Amino acid sequence: MGQQEIYDFLKKSKEQWFTTKQISESLELSRGSVTACLKKLRKSGLVLHRPTGVTNQYEYKFKK
């Protein structure tokens, strides 16, 4: 489990945006783990993120 698994998941669906909840349910991982990994991937510039309109909720997508 880790960043690579989440990165690969996003890479498979390059054009689709996912919430942390959707990623955690699809990969059967805790939201906390997914959030921590996504934060690292964002800092590395490997994924895109955008707010969903709900406070502190974002959608993530593979960066081409």
PDB file of N, CA and C in Angstrom:
ATOM      1  N   MET A   1       0.849  -1.186   0.000  1.00  0.00           N
ATOM      2  CA  MET A   1       0.000   0.000   0.000  1.00  0.00           C
ATOM      3  C   MET A   1       0.871   1.216   0.000  1.00  0.00           C
ATOM      4  N   GLY A   2       0.429   2.201  -0.745  1.00  0.00           N
ATOM      5  CA  GLY A   2       1.159   3.443  -0.712  1.00  0.00           C
ATOM      6  C   GLY A   2       0.909   4.305  -1.921  1.00  0.00           C
ATOM      7  N   GLN A   3       1.820   5.231  -2.067  1.00  0.00           N
ATOM      8  CA  GLN A   3       1.701   6.208  -3.137  1.00  0.00           C
ATOM      9  C   GLN A   3       1.646   5.555  -4.512  1.00  0.00           C
ATOM     10  N   GLN A   4       2.457   4.528  -4.715  1.00  0.00           N
ATOM     11  CA  GLN A   4       2.511   3.890  -6.029  1.00  0.00           C
ATOM     12  C   GLN A   4       1.158   3.294  -6.414  1.00  0.00           C
ATOM     13  N   GLU A   5       0.489   2.681  -5.465  1.00  0.00           N
ATOM     14  CA  GLU A   5      -0.816   2.072  -5.734  1.00  0.00           C
ATOM     15  C   GLU A   5      -1.843   3.146  -6.127  1.00  0.00           C
ATOM     16  N   ILE A   6      -1.829   4.260  -5.432  1.00  0.00           N
ATOM     17  CA  ILE A   6      -2.752   5.358  -5.731  1.00  0.00           C
ATOM     18  C   ILE A   6      -2.384   6.005  -7.063  1.00  0.00           C
ATOM     19  N   TYR A   7      -1.100   6.198  -7.281  1.00  0.00           N
ATOM     20  CA  TYR A   7      -0.611   6.758  -8.543  1.00  0.00           C
ATOM     21  C   TYR A   7      -1.048   5.884  -9.722  1.00  0.00           C
ATOM     22  N   ASP A   8      -0.871   4.571  -9.579  1.00  0.00           N
ATOM     23  CA  ASP A   8      -1.277   3.644 -10.645  1.00  0.00           C
ATOM     24  C   ASP A   8      -2.782   3.675 -10.876  1.00  0.00           C
ATOM     25  N   PHE A   9      -3.558   3.779  -9.789  1.00  0.00           N
ATOM     26  CA  PHE A   9      -5.017   3.860  -9.898  1.00  0.00           C
ATOM     27  C   PHE A   9      -5.423   5.095 -10.707  1.00  0.00           C
ATOM     28  N   LEU A  10      -4.838   6.239 -10.387  1.00  0.00           N
ATOM     29  CA  LEU A  10      -5.167   7.469 -11.108  1.00  0.00           C
ATOM     30  C   LEU A  10      -4.684   7.414 -12.556  1.00  0.00           C
ATOM     31  N   LYS A  11      -3.551   6.787 -12.766  1.00  0.00           N
ATOM     32  CA  LYS A  11      -2.988   6.685 -14.111  1.00  0.00           C
ATOM     33  C   LYS A  11      -3.880   5.858 -15.041  1.00  0.00           C
ATOM     34  N   LYS A  12      -4.558   4.844 -14.493  1.00  0.00           N
ATOM     35  CA  LYS A  12      -5.441   3.986 -15.299  1.00  0.00           C
ATOM     36  C   LYS A  12      -6.635   4.760 -15.852  1.00  0.00           C
ATOM     37  N   SER A  13      -7.071   5.769 -15.128  1.00  0.00           N
ATOM     38  CA  SER A  13      -8.224   6.579 -15.549  1.00  0.00           C
ATOM     39  C   SER A  13      -7.784   8.028 -15.676  1.00  0.00           C
ATOM     40  N   LYS A  14      -6.910   8.278 -16.623  1.00  0.00           N
ATOM     41  CA  LYS A  14      -6.243   9.581 -16.751  1.00  0.00           C
ATOM     42  C   LYS A  14      -7.186  10.769 -16.878  1.00  0.00           C
ATOM     43  N   GLU A  15      -8.327  10.587 -17.495  1.00  0.00           N
ATOM     44  CA  GLU A  15      -9.221  11.717 -17.744  1.00  0.00           C
ATOM     45  C   GLU A  15     -10.261  11.934 -16.651  1.00  0.00           C
ATOM     46  N   GLN A  16     -10.331  11.043 -15.687  1.00  0.00           N
ATOM     47  CA  GLN A  16     -11.381  11.106 -14.668  1.00  0.00           C
ATOM     48  C   GLN A  16     -10.857  11.699 -13.366  1.00  0.00           C
ATOM     49  N   TRP A  17     -11.703  12.491 -12.695  1.00  0.00           N
ATOM     50  CA  TRP A  17     -11.402  13.057 -11.384  1.00  0.00           C
ATOM     51  C   TRP A  17     -12.000  12.165 -10.307  1.00  0.00           C
ATOM     52  N   PHE A  18     -11.281  11.993  -9.191  1.00  0.00           N
ATOM     53  CA  PHE A  18     -11.737  11.148  -8.089  1.00  0.00           C
ATOM     54  C   PHE A  18     -11.603  11.893  -6.764  1.00  0.00           C
ATOM     55  N   THR A  19     -12.557  11.658  -5.865  1.00  0.00           N
ATOM     56  CA  THR A  19     -12.437  12.182  -4.506  1.00  0.00           C
ATOM     57  C   THR A  19     -11.624  11.182  -3.683  1.00  0.00           C
ATOM     58  N   THR A  20     -11.171  11.634  -2.526  1.00  0.00           N
ATOM     59  CA  THR A  20     -10.450  10.748  -1.613  1.00  0.00           C
ATOM     60  C   THR A  20     -11.311   9.548  -1.249  1.00  0.00           C
ATOM     61  N   LYS A  21     -12.596   9.793  -1.027  1.00  0.00           N
ATOM     62  CA  LYS A  21     -13.520   8.714  -0.672  1.00  0.00           C
ATOM     63  C   LYS A  21     -13.595   7.674  -1.779  1.00  0.00           C
ATOM     64  N   GLN A  22     -13.717   8.111  -3.021  1.00  0.00           N
ATOM     65  CA  GLN A  22     -13.803   7.184  -4.149  1.00  0.00           C
ATOM     66  C   GLN A  22     -12.530   6.349  -4.274  1.00  0.00           C
ATOM     67  N   ILE A  23     -11.387   6.982  -4.095  1.00  0.00           N
ATOM     68  CA  ILE A  23     -10.114   6.266  -4.187  1.00  0.00           C
ATOM     69  C   ILE A  23     -10.004   5.248  -3.057  1.00  0.00           C
ATOM     70  N   SER A  24     -10.333   5.673  -1.843  1.00  0.00           N
ATOM     71  CA  SER A  24     -10.200   4.769  -0.697  1.00  0.00           C
ATOM     72  C   SER A  24     -11.142   3.571  -0.818  1.00  0.00           C
ATOM     73  N   GLU A  25     -12.347   3.787  -1.314  1.00  0.00           N
ATOM     74  CA  GLU A  25     -13.293   2.680  -1.489  1.00  0.00           C
ATOM     75  C   GLU A  25     -12.850   1.741  -2.608  1.00  0.00           C
ATOM     76  N   SER A  26     -12.336   2.289  -3.693  1.00  0.00           N
ATOM     77  CA  SER A  26     -11.903   1.463  -4.820  1.00  0.00           C
ATOM     78  C   SER A  26     -10.704   0.599  -4.458  1.00  0.00           C
ATOM     79  N   LEU A  27      -9.778   1.149  -3.687  1.00  0.00           N
ATOM     80  CA  LEU A  27      -8.558   0.423  -3.335  1.00  0.00           C
ATOM     81  C   LEU A  27      -8.646  -0.269  -1.980  1.00  0.00           C
ATOM     82  N   GLU A  28      -9.785  -0.093  -1.308  1.00  0.00           N
ATOM     83  CA  GLU A  28      -9.998  -0.670   0.018  1.00  0.00           C
ATOM     84  C   GLU A  28      -8.905  -0.247   1.002  1.00  0.00           C
ATOM     85  N   LEU A  29      -8.657   1.063   1.039  1.00  0.00           N
ATOM     86  CA  LEU A  29      -7.684   1.665   1.945  1.00  0.00           C
ATOM     87  C   LEU A  29      -8.397   2.688   2.812  1.00  0.00           C
ATOM     88  N   SER A  30      -7.807   3.034   3.940  1.00  0.00           N
ATOM     89  CA  SER A  30      -8.419   4.042   4.795  1.00  0.00           C
ATOM     90  C   SER A  30      -8.288   5.417   4.142  1.00  0.00           C
ATOM     91  N   ARG A  31      -9.238   6.278   4.429  1.00  0.00           N
ATOM     92  CA  ARG A  31      -9.193   7.639   3.868  1.00  0.00           C
ATOM     93  C   ARG A  31      -7.974   8.389   4.359  1.00  0.00           C
ATOM     94  N   GLY A  32      -7.591   8.147   5.597  1.00  0.00           N
ATOM     95  CA  GLY A  32      -6.417   8.815   6.146  1.00  0.00           C
ATOM     96  C   GLY A  32      -5.152   8.473   5.381  1.00  0.00           C
ATOM     97  N   SER A  33      -4.978   7.209   5.058  1.00  0.00           N
ATOM     98  CA  SER A  33      -3.810   6.769   4.290  1.00  0.00           C
ATOM     99  C   SER A  33      -3.823   7.375   2.888  1.00  0.00           C
ATOM    100  N   VAL A  34      -4.992   7.359   2.271  1.00  0.00           N
ATOM    101  CA  VAL A  34      -5.124   7.916   0.918  1.00  0.00           C
ATOM    102  C   VAL A  34      -4.829   9.419   0.940  1.00  0.00           C
ATOM    103  N   THR A  35      -5.361  10.120   1.922  1.00  0.00           N
ATOM    104  CA  THR A  35      -5.136  11.560   2.033  1.00  0.00           C
ATOM    105  C   THR A  35      -3.656  11.866   2.186  1.00  0.00           C
ATOM    106  N   ALA A  36      -2.966  11.125   3.042  1.00  0.00           N
ATOM    107  CA  ALA A  36      -1.536  11.350   3.259  1.00  0.00           C
ATOM    108  C   ALA A  36      -0.742  11.099   1.977  1.00  0.00           C
ATOM    109  N   CYS A  37      -1.066  10.026   1.264  1.00  0.00           N
ATOM    110  CA  CYS A  37      -0.363   9.718   0.015  1.00  0.00           C
ATOM    111  C   CYS A  37      -0.646  10.758  -1.058  1.00  0.00           C
ATOM    112  N   LEU A  38      -1.897  11.195  -1.150  1.00  0.00           N
ATOM    113  CA  LEU A  38      -2.246  12.215  -2.148  1.00  0.00           C
ATOM    114  C   LEU A  38      -1.535  13.531  -1.866  1.00  0.00           C
ATOM    115  N   LYS A  39      -1.365  13.859  -0.608  1.00  0.00           N
ATOM    116  CA  LYS A  39      -0.648  15.079  -0.230  1.00  0.00           C
ATOM    117  C   LYS A  39       0.793  15.016  -0.736  1.00  0.00           C
ATOM    118  N   LYS A  40       1.424  13.867  -0.578  1.00  0.00           N
ATOM    119  CA  LYS A  40       2.796  13.688  -1.045  1.00  0.00           C
ATOM    120  C   LYS A  40       2.867  13.733  -2.570  1.00  0.00           C
ATOM    121  N   LEU A  41       1.896  13.107  -3.224  1.00  0.00           N
ATOM    122  CA  LEU A  41       1.861  13.115  -4.684  1.00  0.00           C
ATOM    123  C   LEU A  41       1.626  14.526  -5.224  1.00  0.00           C
ATOM    124  N   ARG A  42       0.797  15.309  -4.530  1.00  0.00           N
ATOM    125  CA  ARG A  42       0.564  16.705  -4.926  1.00  0.00           C
ATOM    126  C   ARG A  42       1.850  17.510  -4.815  1.00  0.00           C
ATOM    127  N   LYS A  43       2.554  17.342  -3.711  1.00  0.00           N
ATOM    128  CA  LYS A  43       3.805  18.081  -3.504  1.00  0.00           C
ATOM    129  C   LYS A  43       4.853  17.705  -4.547  1.00  0.00           C
ATOM    130  N   SER A  44       4.814  16.470  -5.009  1.00  0.00           N
ATOM    131  CA  SER A  44       5.746  15.998  -6.031  1.00  0.00           C
ATOM    132  C   SER A  44       5.343  16.469  -7.425  1.00  0.00           C
ATOM    133  N   GLY A  45       4.118  16.982  -7.552  1.00  0.00           N
ATOM    134  CA  GLY A  45       3.630  17.453  -8.845  1.00  0.00           C
ATOM    135  C   GLY A  45       3.163  16.334  -9.758  1.00  0.00           C
ATOM    136  N   LEU A  46       2.848  15.178  -9.187  1.00  0.00           N
ATOM    137  CA  LEU A  46       2.456  14.027 -10.000  1.00  0.00           C
ATOM    138  C   LEU A  46       0.955  13.914 -10.227  1.00  0.00           C
ATOM    139  N   VAL A  47       0.156  14.617  -9.426  1.00  0.00           N
ATOM    140  CA  VAL A  47      -1.294  14.602  -9.601  1.00  0.00           C
ATOM    141  C   VAL A  47      -1.828  16.035  -9.566  1.00  0.00           C
ATOM    142  N   LEU A  48      -2.963  16.221 -10.204  1.00  0.00           N
ATOM    143  CA  LEU A  48      -3.666  17.507 -10.169  1.00  0.00           C
ATOM    144  C   LEU A  48      -4.757  17.433  -9.116  1.00  0.00           C
ATOM    145  N   HIS A  49      -5.121  18.559  -8.552  1.00  0.00           N
ATOM    146  CA  HIS A  49      -6.238  18.581  -7.607  1.00  0.00           C
ATOM    147  C   HIS A  49      -7.038  19.856  -7.814  1.00  0.00           C
ATOM    148  N   ARG A  50      -8.318  19.774  -7.468  1.00  0.00           N
ATOM    149  CA  ARG A  50      -9.209  20.930  -7.560  1.00  0.00           C
ATOM    150  C   ARG A  50     -10.260  20.804  -6.457  1.00  0.00           C
ATOM    151  N   PRO A  51     -10.727  21.943  -5.949  1.00  0.00           N
ATOM    152  CA  PRO A  51     -11.776  21.884  -4.924  1.00  0.00           C
ATOM    153  C   PRO A  51     -13.094  21.413  -5.523  1.00  0.00           C
ATOM    154  N   THR A  52     -13.894  20.731  -4.707  1.00  0.00           N
ATOM    155  CA  THR A  52     -15.184  20.222  -5.170  1.00  0.00           C
ATOM    156  C   THR A  52     -16.316  21.195  -4.876  1.00  0.00           C
ATOM    157  N   GLY A  53     -16.039  22.192  -4.064  1.00  0.00           N
ATOM    158  CA  GLY A  53     -17.084  23.117  -3.637  1.00  0.00           C
ATOM    159  C   GLY A  53     -17.520  22.842  -2.214  1.00  0.00           C
ATOM    160  N   VAL A  54     -17.172  21.674  -1.701  1.00  0.00           N
ATOM    161  CA  VAL A  54     -17.433  21.313  -0.319  1.00  0.00           C
ATOM    162  C   VAL A  54     -16.166  21.656   0.471  1.00  0.00           C
ATOM    163  N   THR A  55     -16.331  22.222   1.651  1.00  0.00           N
ATOM    164  CA  THR A  55     -15.186  22.650   2.451  1.00  0.00           C
ATOM    165  C   THR A  55     -14.182  21.521   2.634  1.00  0.00           C
ATOM    166  N   ASN A  56     -12.929  21.811   2.326  1.00  0.00           N
ATOM    167  CA  ASN A  56     -11.809  20.876   2.492  1.00  0.00           C
ATOM    168  C   ASN A  56     -11.961  19.566   1.736  1.00  0.00           C
ATOM    169  N   GLN A  57     -12.677  19.574   0.645  1.00  0.00           N
ATOM    170  CA  GLN A  57     -12.803  18.372  -0.169  1.00  0.00           C
ATOM    171  C   GLN A  57     -12.275  18.669  -1.570  1.00  0.00           C
ATOM    172  N   TYR A  58     -11.441  17.770  -2.061  1.00  0.00           N
ATOM    173  CA  TYR A  58     -10.818  17.947  -3.364  1.00  0.00           C
ATOM    174  C   TYR A  58     -11.018  16.723  -4.231  1.00  0.00           C
ATOM    175  N   GLU A  59     -10.854  16.934  -5.528  1.00  0.00           N
ATOM    176  CA  GLU A  59     -10.841  15.838  -6.488  1.00  0.00           C
ATOM    177  C   GLU A  59      -9.431  15.758  -7.043  1.00  0.00           C
ATOM    178  N   TYR A  60      -9.017  14.545  -7.386  1.00  0.00           N
ATOM    179  CA  TYR A  60      -7.658  14.315  -7.853  1.00  0.00           C
ATOM    180  C   TYR A  60      -7.666  13.618  -9.194  1.00  0.00           C
ATOM    181  N   LYS A  61      -6.608  13.890  -9.973  1.00  0.00           N
ATOM    182  CA  LYS A  61      -6.503  13.347 -11.319  1.00  0.00           C
ATOM    183  C   LYS A  61      -5.027  13.175 -11.649  1.00  0.00           C
ATOM    184  N   PHE A  62      -4.724  12.188 -12.463  1.00  0.00           N
ATOM    185  CA  PHE A  62      -3.358  11.955 -12.931  1.00  0.00           C
ATOM    186  C   PHE A  62      -2.893  13.145 -13.761  1.00  0.00           C
ATOM    187  N   LYS A  63      -1.685  13.591 -13.510  1.00  0.00           N
ATOM    188  CA  LYS A  63      -1.125  14.690 -14.291  1.00  0.00           C
ATOM    189  C   LYS A  63      -0.361  14.098 -15.481  1.00  0.00           C
ATOM    190  N   LYS A  64      -0.705  14.556 -16.672  1.00  0.00           N
ATOM    191  CA  LYS A  64      -0.097  14.025 -17.903  1.00  0.00           C
ATOM    192  C   LYS A  64       1.321  14.466 -18.045  1.00  0.00           C
TER     193      LYS A  64
END
